[in-house]
C-alpha cells in the first residue's frame, strides 16, 4: 500500500473550493453582475461552465487564472476572494496542531 504524503485530503480541498466559490458568488452579487456578464468578462464563453464552477458541480472549480481575472473584473484585490477562508495548521508528521 502506498503512503499518502499529502498534507490535505480530498474533502479538505473540496471544502476549500466551495468556500472560494461561495465568496466569488457573494462578491459578484454584491456588485450586481450576472454570471453571464462575469463569465464573458473573464473569457469564459459558456455561462454553464461558469455556473458549474461557482456551484462546484461536476467537479468543476475556478483555477488561479480565473480567480485573477475575476478579481480584475470585480475591481477588487485578489486577497478579498480569500478573505475569511481559514485552514487548520497541522504538523502532518505528528498530526499535532502547530
PDB file of N, CA and C in Angstrom:
ATOM      1  N   UNK A   1       0.838  -1.182   0.000  1.00  0.00           N
ATOM      2  CA  UNK A   1       0.000   0.000   0.000  1.00  0.00           C
ATOM      3  C   UNK A   1       0.882   1.244   0.000  1.00  0.00           C
ATOM      4  N   UNK A   2       0.536   2.203  -0.841  1.00  0.00           N
ATOM      5  CA  UNK A   2       1.312   3.436  -0.958  1.00  0.00           C
ATOM      6  C   UNK A   2       0.888   4.437   0.110  1.00  0.00           C
ATOM      7  N   UNK A   3       1.878   5.047   0.743  1.00  0.00           N
ATOM      8  CA  UNK A   3       1.609   6.032   1.782  1.00  0.00           C
ATOM      9  C   UNK A   3       1.251   7.376   1.146  1.00  0.00           C
ATOM     10  N   UNK A   4       0.254   8.047   1.716  1.00  0.00           N
ATOM     11  CA  UNK A   4      -0.159   9.367   1.248  1.00  0.00           C
ATOM     12  C   UNK A   4       0.679  10.419   1.963  1.00  0.00           C
ATOM     13  N   UNK A   5       1.463  11.164   1.207  1.00  0.00           N
ATOM     14  CA  UNK A   5       2.336  12.183   1.780  1.00  0.00           C
ATOM     15  C   UNK A   5       1.725  13.582   1.727  1.00  0.00           C
ATOM     16  N   UNK A   6       0.520  13.693   1.243  1.00  0.00           N
ATOM     17  CA  UNK A   6      -0.142  14.988   1.126  1.00  0.00           C
ATOM     18  C   UNK A   6      -0.501  15.538   2.504  1.00  0.00           C
ATOM     19  N   UNK A   7      -0.476  16.850   2.615  1.00  0.00           N
ATOM     20  CA  UNK A   7      -0.872  17.477   3.875  1.00  0.00           C
ATOM     21  C   UNK A   7      -2.351  17.842   3.899  1.00  0.00           C
ATOM     22  N   UNK A   8      -3.099  17.468   2.843  1.00  0.00           N
ATOM     23  CA  UNK A   8      -4.532  17.773   2.752  1.00  0.00           C
ATOM     24  C   UNK A   8      -5.245  16.605   2.105  1.00  0.00           C
ATOM     25  N   UNK A   9      -6.419  16.269   2.626  1.00  0.00           N
ATOM     26  CA  UNK A   9      -7.180  15.201   1.979  1.00  0.00           C
ATOM     27  C   UNK A   9      -8.163  15.805   0.975  1.00  0.00           C
ATOM     28  N   UNK A  10      -8.793  14.961   0.185  1.00  0.00           N
ATOM     29  CA  UNK A  10      -9.679  15.440  -0.887  1.00  0.00           C
ATOM     30  C   UNK A  10     -10.880  16.198  -0.332  1.00  0.00           C
ATOM     31  N   UNK A  11     -11.374  15.803   0.837  1.00  0.00           N
ATOM     32  CA  UNK A  11     -12.501  16.517   1.440  1.00  0.00           C
ATOM     33  C   UNK A  11     -12.137  17.935   1.821  1.00  0.00           C
ATOM     34  N   UNK A  12     -10.934  18.108   2.348  1.00  0.00           N
ATOM     35  CA  UNK A  12     -10.465  19.446   2.729  1.00  0.00           C
ATOM     36  C   UNK A  12     -10.315  20.331   1.495  1.00  0.00           C
ATOM     37  N   UNK A  13      -9.809  19.768   0.414  1.00  0.00           N
ATOM     38  CA  UNK A  13      -9.641  20.535  -0.833  1.00  0.00           C
ATOM     39  C   UNK A  13     -10.997  20.903  -1.410  1.00  0.00           C
ATOM     40  N   UNK A  14     -11.942  19.973  -1.395  1.00  0.00           N
ATOM     41  CA  UNK A  14     -13.295  20.270  -1.886  1.00  0.00           C
ATOM     42  C   UNK A  14     -13.933  21.381  -1.060  1.00  0.00           C
ATOM     43  N   UNK A  15     -13.748  21.335   0.246  1.00  0.00           N
ATOM     44  CA  UNK A  15     -14.269  22.383   1.128  1.00  0.00           C
ATOM     45  C   UNK A  15     -13.653  23.735   0.780  1.00  0.00           C
ATOM     46  N   UNK A  16     -12.362  23.752   0.486  1.00  0.00           N
ATOM     47  CA  UNK A  16     -11.681  24.990   0.077  1.00  0.00           C
ATOM     48  C   UNK A  16     -12.295  25.531  -1.213  1.00  0.00           C
ATOM     49  N   UNK A  17     -12.481  24.672  -2.221  1.00  0.00           N
ATOM     50  CA  UNK A  17     -13.091  25.111  -3.480  1.00  0.00           C
ATOM     51  C   UNK A  17     -14.480  25.695  -3.238  1.00  0.00           C
ATOM     52  N   UNK A  18     -15.254  25.049  -2.368  1.00  0.00           N
ATOM     53  CA  UNK A  18     -16.610  25.535  -2.076  1.00  0.00           C
ATOM     54  C   UNK A  18     -16.578  26.906  -1.413  1.00  0.00           C
ATOM     55  N   UNK A  19     -15.651  27.116  -0.499  1.00  0.00           N
ATOM     56  CA  UNK A  19     -15.539  28.415   0.172  1.00  0.00           C
ATOM     57  C   UNK A  19     -15.138  29.506  -0.812  1.00  0.00           C
ATOM     58  N   UNK A  20     -14.193  29.212  -1.694  1.00  0.00           N
ATOM     59  CA  UNK A  20     -13.767  30.199  -2.701  1.00  0.00           C
ATOM     60  C   UNK A  20     -14.939  30.528  -3.619  1.00  0.00           C
ATOM     61  N   UNK A  21     -15.636  29.515  -4.086  1.00  0.00           N
ATOM     62  CA  UNK A  21     -16.775  29.738  -4.987  1.00  0.00           C
ATOM     63  C   UNK A  21     -17.880  30.544  -4.318  1.00  0.00           C
ATOM     64  N   UNK A  22     -18.167  30.219  -3.061  1.00  0.00           N
ATOM     65  CA  UNK A  22     -19.195  30.949  -2.319  1.00  0.00           C
ATOM     66  C   UNK A  22     -18.816  32.416  -2.179  1.00  0.00           C
ATOM     67  N   UNK A  23     -17.546  32.673  -1.916  1.00  0.00           N
ATOM     68  CA  UNK A  23     -17.062  34.051  -1.775  1.00  0.00           C
ATOM     69  C   UNK A  23     -17.160  34.794  -3.108  1.00  0.00           C
ATOM     70  N   UNK A  24     -16.785  34.140  -4.193  1.00  0.00           N
ATOM     71  CA  UNK A  24     -16.874  34.758  -5.520  1.00  0.00           C
ATOM     72  C   UNK A  24     -18.331  35.093  -5.839  1.00  0.00           C
ATOM     73  N   UNK A  25     -19.228  34.172  -5.547  1.00  0.00           N
ATOM     74  CA  UNK A  25     -20.650  34.432  -5.793  1.00  0.00           C
ATOM     75  C   UNK A  25     -21.118  35.648  -4.991  1.00  0.00           C
ATOM     76  N   UNK A  26     -20.751  35.707  -3.706  1.00  0.00           N
ATOM     77  CA  UNK A  26     -21.127  36.831  -2.855  1.00  0.00           C
ATOM     78  C   UNK A  26     -20.616  38.145  -3.437  1.00  0.00           C
ATOM     79  N   UNK A  27     -19.344  38.189  -3.819  1.00  0.00           N
ATOM     80  CA  UNK A  27     -18.754  39.418  -4.354  1.00  0.00           C
ATOM     81  C   UNK A  27     -19.390  39.810  -5.684  1.00  0.00           C
ATOM     82  N   UNK A  28     -19.686  38.824  -6.534  1.00  0.00           N
ATOM     83  CA  UNK A  28     -20.331  39.098  -7.824  1.00  0.00           C
ATOM     84  C   UNK A  28     -21.720  39.668  -7.603  1.00  0.00           C
ATOM     85  N   UNK A  29     -22.489  39.048  -6.725  1.00  0.00           N
ATOM     86  CA  UNK A  29     -23.848  39.518  -6.463  1.00  0.00           C
ATOM     87  C   UNK A  29     -23.846  40.887  -5.798  1.00  0.00           C
ATOM     88  N   UNK A  30     -22.860  41.126  -4.944  1.00  0.00           N
ATOM     89  CA  UNK A  30     -22.732  42.425  -4.288  1.00  0.00           C
ATOM     90  C   UNK A  30     -22.546  43.546  -5.319  1.00  0.00           C
ATOM     91  N   UNK A  31     -21.897  43.229  -6.424  1.00  0.00           N
ATOM     92  CA  UNK A  31     -21.670  44.208  -7.493  1.00  0.00           C
ATOM     93  C   UNK A  31     -22.788  44.191  -8.538  1.00  0.00           C
ATOM     94  N   UNK A  32     -23.825  43.367  -8.302  1.00  0.00           N
ATOM     95  CA  UNK A  32     -24.958  43.248  -9.232  1.00  0.00           C
ATOM     96  C   UNK A  32     -24.520  42.878 -10.644  1.00  0.00           C
ATOM     97  N   UNK A  33     -23.613  41.905 -10.721  1.00  0.00           N
ATOM     98  CA  UNK A  33     -23.122  41.414 -12.018  1.00  0.00           C
ATOM     99  C   UNK A  33     -23.662  40.000 -12.211  1.00  0.00           C
ATOM    100  N   UNK A  34     -24.186  39.732 -13.398  1.00  0.00           N
ATOM    101  CA  UNK A  34     -24.726  38.402 -13.678  1.00  0.00           C
ATOM    102  C   UNK A  34     -23.591  37.405 -13.931  1.00  0.00           C
ATOM    103  N   UNK A  35     -23.920  36.134 -13.800  1.00  0.00           N
ATOM    104  CA  UNK A  35     -22.935  35.103 -14.134  1.00  0.00           C
ATOM    105  C   UNK A  35     -22.495  35.239 -15.589  1.00  0.00           C
ATOM    106  N   UNK A  36     -23.439  35.489 -16.480  1.00  0.00           N
ATOM    107  CA  UNK A  36     -23.119  35.629 -17.896  1.00  0.00           C
ATOM    108  C   UNK A  36     -22.142  36.774 -18.123  1.00  0.00           C
ATOM    109  N   UNK A  37     -22.429  37.931 -17.555  1.00  0.00           N
ATOM    110  CA  UNK A  37     -21.549  39.084 -17.766  1.00  0.00           C
ATOM    111  C   UNK A  37     -20.148  38.841 -17.220  1.00  0.00           C
ATOM    112  N   UNK A  38     -20.050  38.240 -16.039  1.00  0.00           N
ATOM    113  CA  UNK A  38     -18.729  37.979 -15.470  1.00  0.00           C
ATOM    114  C   UNK A  38     -18.005  36.905 -16.266  1.00  0.00           C
ATOM    115  N   UNK A  39     -18.720  35.870 -16.676  1.00  0.00           N
ATOM    116  CA  UNK A  39     -18.106  34.806 -17.483  1.00  0.00           C
ATOM    117  C   UNK A  39     -17.492  35.391 -18.751  1.00  0.00           C
ATOM    118  N   UNK A  40     -18.259  36.206 -19.453  1.00  0.00           N
ATOM    119  CA  UNK A  40     -17.750  36.808 -20.693  1.00  0.00           C
ATOM    120  C   UNK A  40     -16.586  37.750 -20.424  1.00  0.00           C
ATOM    121  N   UNK A  41     -16.651  38.503 -19.336  1.00  0.00           N
ATOM    122  CA  UNK A  41     -15.588  39.449 -18.977  1.00  0.00           C
ATOM    123  C   UNK A  41     -14.258  38.737 -18.738  1.00  0.00           C
ATOM    124  N   UNK A  42     -14.312  37.520 -18.182  1.00  0.00           N
ATOM    125  CA  UNK A  42     -13.068  36.809 -17.891  1.00  0.00           C
ATOM    126  C   UNK A  42     -12.687  35.814 -18.994  1.00  0.00           C
ATOM    127  N   UNK A  43     -13.443  35.812 -20.090  1.00  0.00           N
ATOM    128  CA  UNK A  43     -13.076  34.997 -21.246  1.00  0.00           C
ATOM    129  C   UNK A  43     -13.661  33.599 -21.256  1.00  0.00           C
ATOM    130  N   UNK A  44     -14.665  33.358 -20.431  1.00  0.00           N
ATOM    131  CA  UNK A  44     -15.357  32.065 -20.461  1.00  0.00           C
ATOM    132  C   UNK A  44     -16.590  32.240 -21.339  1.00  0.00           C
ATOM    133  N   UNK A  45     -16.661  31.476 -22.406  1.00  0.00           N
ATOM    134  CA  UNK A  45     -17.740  31.641 -23.381  1.00  0.00           C
ATOM    135  C   UNK A  45     -19.027  30.936 -22.972  1.00  0.00           C
ATOM    136  N   UNK A  46     -18.938  30.048 -21.989  1.00  0.00           N
ATOM    137  CA  UNK A  46     -20.102  29.270 -21.582  1.00  0.00           C
ATOM    138  C   UNK A  46     -20.524  29.650 -20.172  1.00  0.00           C
ATOM    139  N   UNK A  47     -21.726  30.214 -20.050  1.00  0.00           N
ATOM    140  CA  UNK A  47     -22.237  30.542 -18.726  1.00  0.00           C
ATOM    141  C   UNK A  47     -22.488  29.265 -17.928  1.00  0.00           C
ATOM    142  N   UNK A  48     -22.773  28.170 -18.618  1.00  0.00           N
ATOM    143  CA  UNK A  48     -22.979  26.893 -17.930  1.00  0.00           C
ATOM    144  C   UNK A  48     -21.688  26.446 -17.240  1.00  0.00           C
ATOM    145  N   UNK A  49     -20.552  26.582 -17.923  1.00  0.00           N
ATOM    146  CA  UNK A  49     -19.275  26.224 -17.303  1.00  0.00           C
ATOM    147  C   UNK A  49     -18.995  27.125 -16.109  1.00  0.00           C
ATOM    148  N   UNK A  50     -19.218  28.430 -16.275  1.00  0.00           N
ATOM    149  CA  UNK A  50     -19.011  29.361 -15.164  1.00  0.00           C
ATOM    150  C   UNK A  50     -19.899  28.976 -13.985  1.00  0.00           C
ATOM    151  N   UNK A  51     -21.160  28.714 -14.258  1.00  0.00           N
ATOM    152  CA  UNK A  51     -22.105  28.341 -13.201  1.00  0.00           C
ATOM    153  C   UNK A  51     -21.668  27.061 -12.494  1.00  0.00           C
ATOM    154  N   UNK A  52     -21.179  26.098 -13.260  1.00  0.00           N
ATOM    155  CA  UNK A  52     -20.688  24.856 -12.656  1.00  0.00           C
ATOM    156  C   UNK A  52     -19.505  25.121 -11.732  1.00  0.00           C
ATOM    157  N   UNK A  53     -18.636  26.033 -12.102  1.00  0.00           N
ATOM    158  CA  UNK A  53     -17.502  26.401 -11.243  1.00  0.00           C
ATOM    159  C   UNK A  53     -18.003  27.102  -9.980  1.00  0.00           C
ATOM    160  N   UNK A  54     -18.910  28.036 -10.141  1.00  0.00           N
ATOM    161  CA  UNK A  54     -19.396  28.805  -9.000  1.00  0.00           C
ATOM    162  C   UNK A  54     -20.195  27.930  -8.032  1.00  0.00           C
ATOM    163  N   UNK A  55     -20.791  26.860  -8.550  1.00  0.00           N
ATOM    164  CA  UNK A  55     -21.598  25.976  -7.715  1.00  0.00           C
ATOM    165  C   UNK A  55     -20.944  24.624  -7.461  1.00  0.00           C
ATOM    166  N   UNK A  56     -19.688  24.464  -7.894  1.00  0.00           N
ATOM    167  CA  UNK A  56     -18.919  23.229  -7.708  1.00  0.00           C
ATOM    168  C   UNK A  56     -19.673  21.984  -8.182  1.00  0.00           C
ATOM    169  N   UNK A  57     -20.297  22.100  -9.332  1.00  0.00           N
ATOM    170  CA  UNK A  57     -20.988  20.956  -9.927  1.00  0.00           C
ATOM    171  C   UNK A  57     -20.052  20.247 -10.897  1.00  0.00           C
ATOM    172  N   UNK A  58     -20.229  18.959 -11.021  1.00  0.00           N
ATOM    173  CA  UNK A  58     -19.492  18.133 -11.977  1.00  0.00           C
ATOM    174  C   UNK A  58     -17.971  18.254 -11.796  1.00  0.00           C
ATOM    175  N   UNK A  59     -17.550  18.426 -10.553  1.00  0.00           N
ATOM    176  CA  UNK A  59     -16.123  18.521 -10.213  1.00  0.00           C
ATOM    177  C   UNK A  59     -15.441  19.720 -10.885  1.00  0.00           C
ATOM    178  N   UNK A  60     -16.182  20.768 -11.159  1.00  0.00           N
ATOM    179  CA  UNK A  60     -15.631  21.984 -11.763  1.00  0.00           C
ATOM    180  C   UNK A  60     -15.355  23.005 -10.672  1.00  0.00           C
ATOM    181  N   UNK A  61     -14.286  23.755 -10.856  1.00  0.00           N
ATOM    182  CA  UNK A  61     -13.933  24.816  -9.911  1.00  0.00           C
ATOM    183  C   UNK A  61     -13.070  25.853 -10.624  1.00  0.00           C
ATOM    184  N   UNK A  62     -12.953  27.023 -10.007  1.00  0.00           N
ATOM    185  CA  UNK A  62     -12.133  28.085 -10.587  1.00  0.00           C
ATOM    186  C   UNK A  62     -10.662  27.749 -10.404  1.00  0.00           C
ATOM    187  N   UNK A  63      -9.858  28.082 -11.425  1.00  0.00           N
ATOM    188  CA  UNK A  63      -8.413  27.926 -11.289  1.00  0.00           C
ATOM    189  C   UNK A  63      -7.792  29.300 -10.983  1.00  0.00           C
ATOM    190  N   UNK A  64      -6.498  29.348 -10.837  1.00  0.00           N
ATOM    191  CA  UNK A  64      -5.838  30.606 -10.469  1.00  0.00           C
ATOM    192  C   UNK A  64      -6.029  31.692 -11.520  1.00  0.00           C
ATOM    193  N   UNK A  65      -6.006  31.326 -12.788  1.00  0.00           N
ATOM    194  CA  UNK A  65      -6.233  32.322 -13.844  1.00  0.00           C
ATOM    195  C   UNK A  65      -7.634  32.911 -13.728  1.00  0.00           C
ATOM    196  N   UNK A  66      -8.619  32.053 -13.507  1.00  0.00           N
ATOM    197  CA  UNK A  66      -9.990  32.545 -13.321  1.00  0.00           C
ATOM    198  C   UNK A  66     -10.062  33.522 -12.153  1.00  0.00           C
ATOM    199  N   UNK A  67      -9.458  33.139 -11.024  1.00  0.00           N
ATOM    200  CA  UNK A  67      -9.512  33.975  -9.822  1.00  0.00           C
ATOM    201  C   UNK A  67      -8.841  35.323 -10.072  1.00  0.00           C
ATOM    202  N   UNK A  68      -7.715  35.314 -10.755  1.00  0.00           N
ATOM    203  CA  UNK A  68      -7.028  36.567 -11.090  1.00  0.00           C
ATOM    204  C   UNK A  68      -7.937  37.458 -11.945  1.00  0.00           C
ATOM    205  N   UNK A  69      -8.526  36.871 -12.985  1.00  0.00           N
ATOM    206  CA  UNK A  69      -9.388  37.641 -13.885  1.00  0.00           C
ATOM    207  C   UNK A  69     -10.667  38.109 -13.191  1.00  0.00           C
ATOM    208  N   UNK A  70     -11.209  37.285 -12.314  1.00  0.00           N
ATOM    209  CA  UNK A  70     -12.409  37.675 -11.565  1.00  0.00           C
ATOM    210  C   UNK A  70     -12.102  38.874 -10.683  1.00  0.00           C
ATOM    211  N   UNK A  71     -10.960  38.862 -10.008  1.00  0.00           N
ATOM    212  CA  UNK A  71     -10.607  39.994  -9.147  1.00  0.00           C
ATOM    213  C   UNK A  71     -10.475  41.274  -9.971  1.00  0.00           C
ATOM    214  N   UNK A  72      -9.901  41.174 -11.167  1.00  0.00           N
ATOM    215  CA  UNK A  72      -9.796  42.357 -12.038  1.00  0.00           C
ATOM    216  C   UNK A  72     -11.171  42.830 -12.496  1.00  0.00           C
ATOM    217  N   UNK A  73     -12.016  41.887 -12.901  1.00  0.00           N
ATOM    218  CA  UNK A  73     -13.347  42.239 -13.405  1.00  0.00           C
ATOM    219  C   UNK A  73     -14.208  42.873 -12.320  1.00  0.00           C
ATOM    220  N   UNK A  74     -14.068  42.391 -11.087  1.00  0.00           N
ATOM    221  CA  UNK A  74     -14.850  42.934  -9.982  1.00  0.00           C
ATOM    222  C   UNK A  74     -14.195  44.159  -9.347  1.00  0.00           C
ATOM    223  N   UNK A  75     -12.988  44.484  -9.831  1.00  0.00           N
ATOM    224  CA  UNK A  75     -12.222  45.629  -9.320  1.00  0.00           C
ATOM    225  C   UNK A  75     -11.997  45.511  -7.808  1.00  0.00           C
ATOM    226  N   UNK A  76     -11.509  44.337  -7.424  1.00  0.00           N
ATOM    227  CA  UNK A  76     -11.201  44.071  -6.018  1.00  0.00           C
ATOM    228  C   UNK A  76      -9.783  43.535  -5.919  1.00  0.00           C
ATOM    229  N   UNK A  77      -9.216  43.600  -4.741  1.00  0.00           N
ATOM    230  CA  UNK A  77      -7.924  42.969  -4.506  1.00  0.00           C
ATOM    231  C   UNK A  77      -8.125  41.465  -4.491  1.00  0.00           C
ATOM    232  N   UNK A  78      -7.200  40.740  -5.057  1.00  0.00           N
ATOM    233  CA  UNK A  78      -7.336  39.286  -5.142  1.00  0.00           C
ATOM    234  C   UNK A  78      -7.481  38.649  -3.762  1.00  0.00           C
ATOM    235  N   UNK A  79      -6.846  39.255  -2.758  1.00  0.00           N
ATOM    236  CA  UNK A  79      -6.951  38.677  -1.409  1.00  0.00           C
ATOM    237  C   UNK A  79      -8.370  38.774  -0.846  1.00  0.00           C
ATOM    238  N   UNK A  80      -9.190  39.671  -1.398  1.00  0.00           N
ATOM    239  CA  UNK A  80     -10.587  39.753  -0.957  1.00  0.00           C
ATOM    240  C   UNK A  80     -11.350  38.463  -1.243  1.00  0.00           C
ATOM    241  N   UNK A  81     -10.941  37.751  -2.273  1.00  0.00           N
ATOM    242  CA  UNK A  81     -11.583  36.482  -2.605  1.00  0.00           C
ATOM    243  C   UNK A  81     -11.316  35.448  -1.517  1.00  0.00           C
ATOM    244  N   UNK A  82     -10.147  35.539  -0.894  1.00  0.00           N
ATOM    245  CA  UNK A  82      -9.761  34.553   0.116  1.00  0.00           C
ATOM    246  C   UNK A  82     -10.026  35.023   1.539  1.00  0.00           C
ATOM    247  N   UNK A  83     -10.644  36.186   1.671  1.00  0.00           N
ATOM    248  CA  UNK A  83     -10.939  36.731   2.998  1.00  0.00           C
ATOM    249  C   UNK A  83     -11.790  35.742   3.796  1.00  0.00           C
ATOM    250  N   UNK A  84     -11.403  35.566   5.035  1.00  0.00           N
ATOM    251  CA  UNK A  84     -12.123  34.705   5.977  1.00  0.00           C
ATOM    252  C   UNK A  84     -12.047  33.215   5.654  1.00  0.00           C
ATOM    253  N   UNK A  85     -11.230  32.818   4.704  1.00  0.00           N
ATOM    254  CA  UNK A  85     -11.029  31.391   4.447  1.00  0.00           C
ATOM    255  C   UNK A  85      -9.828  30.954   5.272  1.00  0.00           C
ATOM    256  N   UNK A  86     -10.101  30.117   6.231  1.00  0.00           N
ATOM    257  CA  UNK A  86      -9.069  29.660   7.162  1.00  0.00           C
ATOM    258  C   UNK A  86      -8.807  28.179   6.966  1.00  0.00           C
ATOM    259  N   UNK A  87      -7.658  27.755   7.412  1.00  0.00           N
ATOM    260  CA  UNK A  87      -7.359  26.326   7.451  1.00  0.00           C
ATOM    261  C   UNK A  87      -6.742  26.016   8.801  1.00  0.00           C
ATOM    262  N   UNK A  88      -6.800  24.766   9.163  1.00  0.00           N
ATOM    263  CA  UNK A  88      -6.198  24.330  10.414  1.00  0.00           C
ATOM    264  C   UNK A  88      -4.774  23.887  10.114  1.00  0.00           C
ATOM    265  N   UNK A  89      -3.819  24.446  10.817  1.00  0.00           N
ATOM    266  CA  UNK A  89      -2.429  24.047  10.639  1.00  0.00           C
ATOM    267  C   UNK A  89      -2.143  22.802  11.459  1.00  0.00           C
ATOM    268  N   UNK A  90      -1.701  21.774  10.793  1.00  0.00           N
ATOM    269  CA  UNK A  90      -1.286  20.558  11.469  1.00  0.00           C
ATOM    270  C   UNK A  90       0.169  20.280  11.126  1.00  0.00           C
ATOM    271  N   UNK A  91       0.882  19.754  12.054  1.00  0.00           N
ATOM    272  CA  UNK A  91       2.193  19.219  11.760  1.00  0.00           C
ATOM    273  C   UNK A  91       1.916  17.809  11.258  1.00  0.00           C
ATOM    274  N   UNK A  92       1.897  17.613   9.933  1.00  0.00           N
ATOM    275  CA  UNK A  92       1.427  16.359   9.375  1.00  0.00           C
ATOM    276  C   UNK A  92       2.341  15.176   9.671  1.00  0.00           C
ATOM    277  N   UNK A  93       3.525  15.408  10.201  1.00  0.00           N
ATOM    278  CA  UNK A  93       4.387  14.294  10.591  1.00  0.00           C
ATOM    279  C   UNK A  93       3.942  13.683  11.907  1.00  0.00           C
ATOM    280  N   UNK A  94       3.410  14.518  12.804  1.00  0.00           N
ATOM    281  CA  UNK A  94       2.991  14.016  14.108  1.00  0.00           C
ATOM    282  C   UNK A  94       1.499  14.169  14.338  1.00  0.00           C
ATOM    283  N   UNK A  95       0.789  14.783  13.371  1.00  0.00           N
ATOM    284  CA  UNK A  95      -0.649  15.044  13.484  1.00  0.00           C
ATOM    285  C   UNK A  95      -1.002  15.891  14.702  1.00  0.00           C
ATOM    286  N   UNK A  96      -0.113  16.746  15.134  1.00  0.00           N
ATOM    287  CA  UNK A  96      -0.385  17.691  16.216  1.00  0.00           C
ATOM    288  C   UNK A  96      -0.556  19.070  15.638  1.00  0.00           C
ATOM    289  N   UNK A  97      -1.463  19.826  16.223  1.00  0.00           N
ATOM    290  CA  UNK A  97      -1.633  21.209  15.771  1.00  0.00           C
ATOM    291  C   UNK A  97      -0.380  21.989  16.065  1.00  0.00           C
ATOM    292  N   UNK A  98      -0.050  22.894  15.141  1.00  0.00           N
ATOM    293  CA  UNK A  98       1.108  23.762  15.346  1.00  0.00           C
ATOM    294  C   UNK A  98       0.785  24.897  16.275  1.00  0.00           C
TER     295      UNK A  98
END
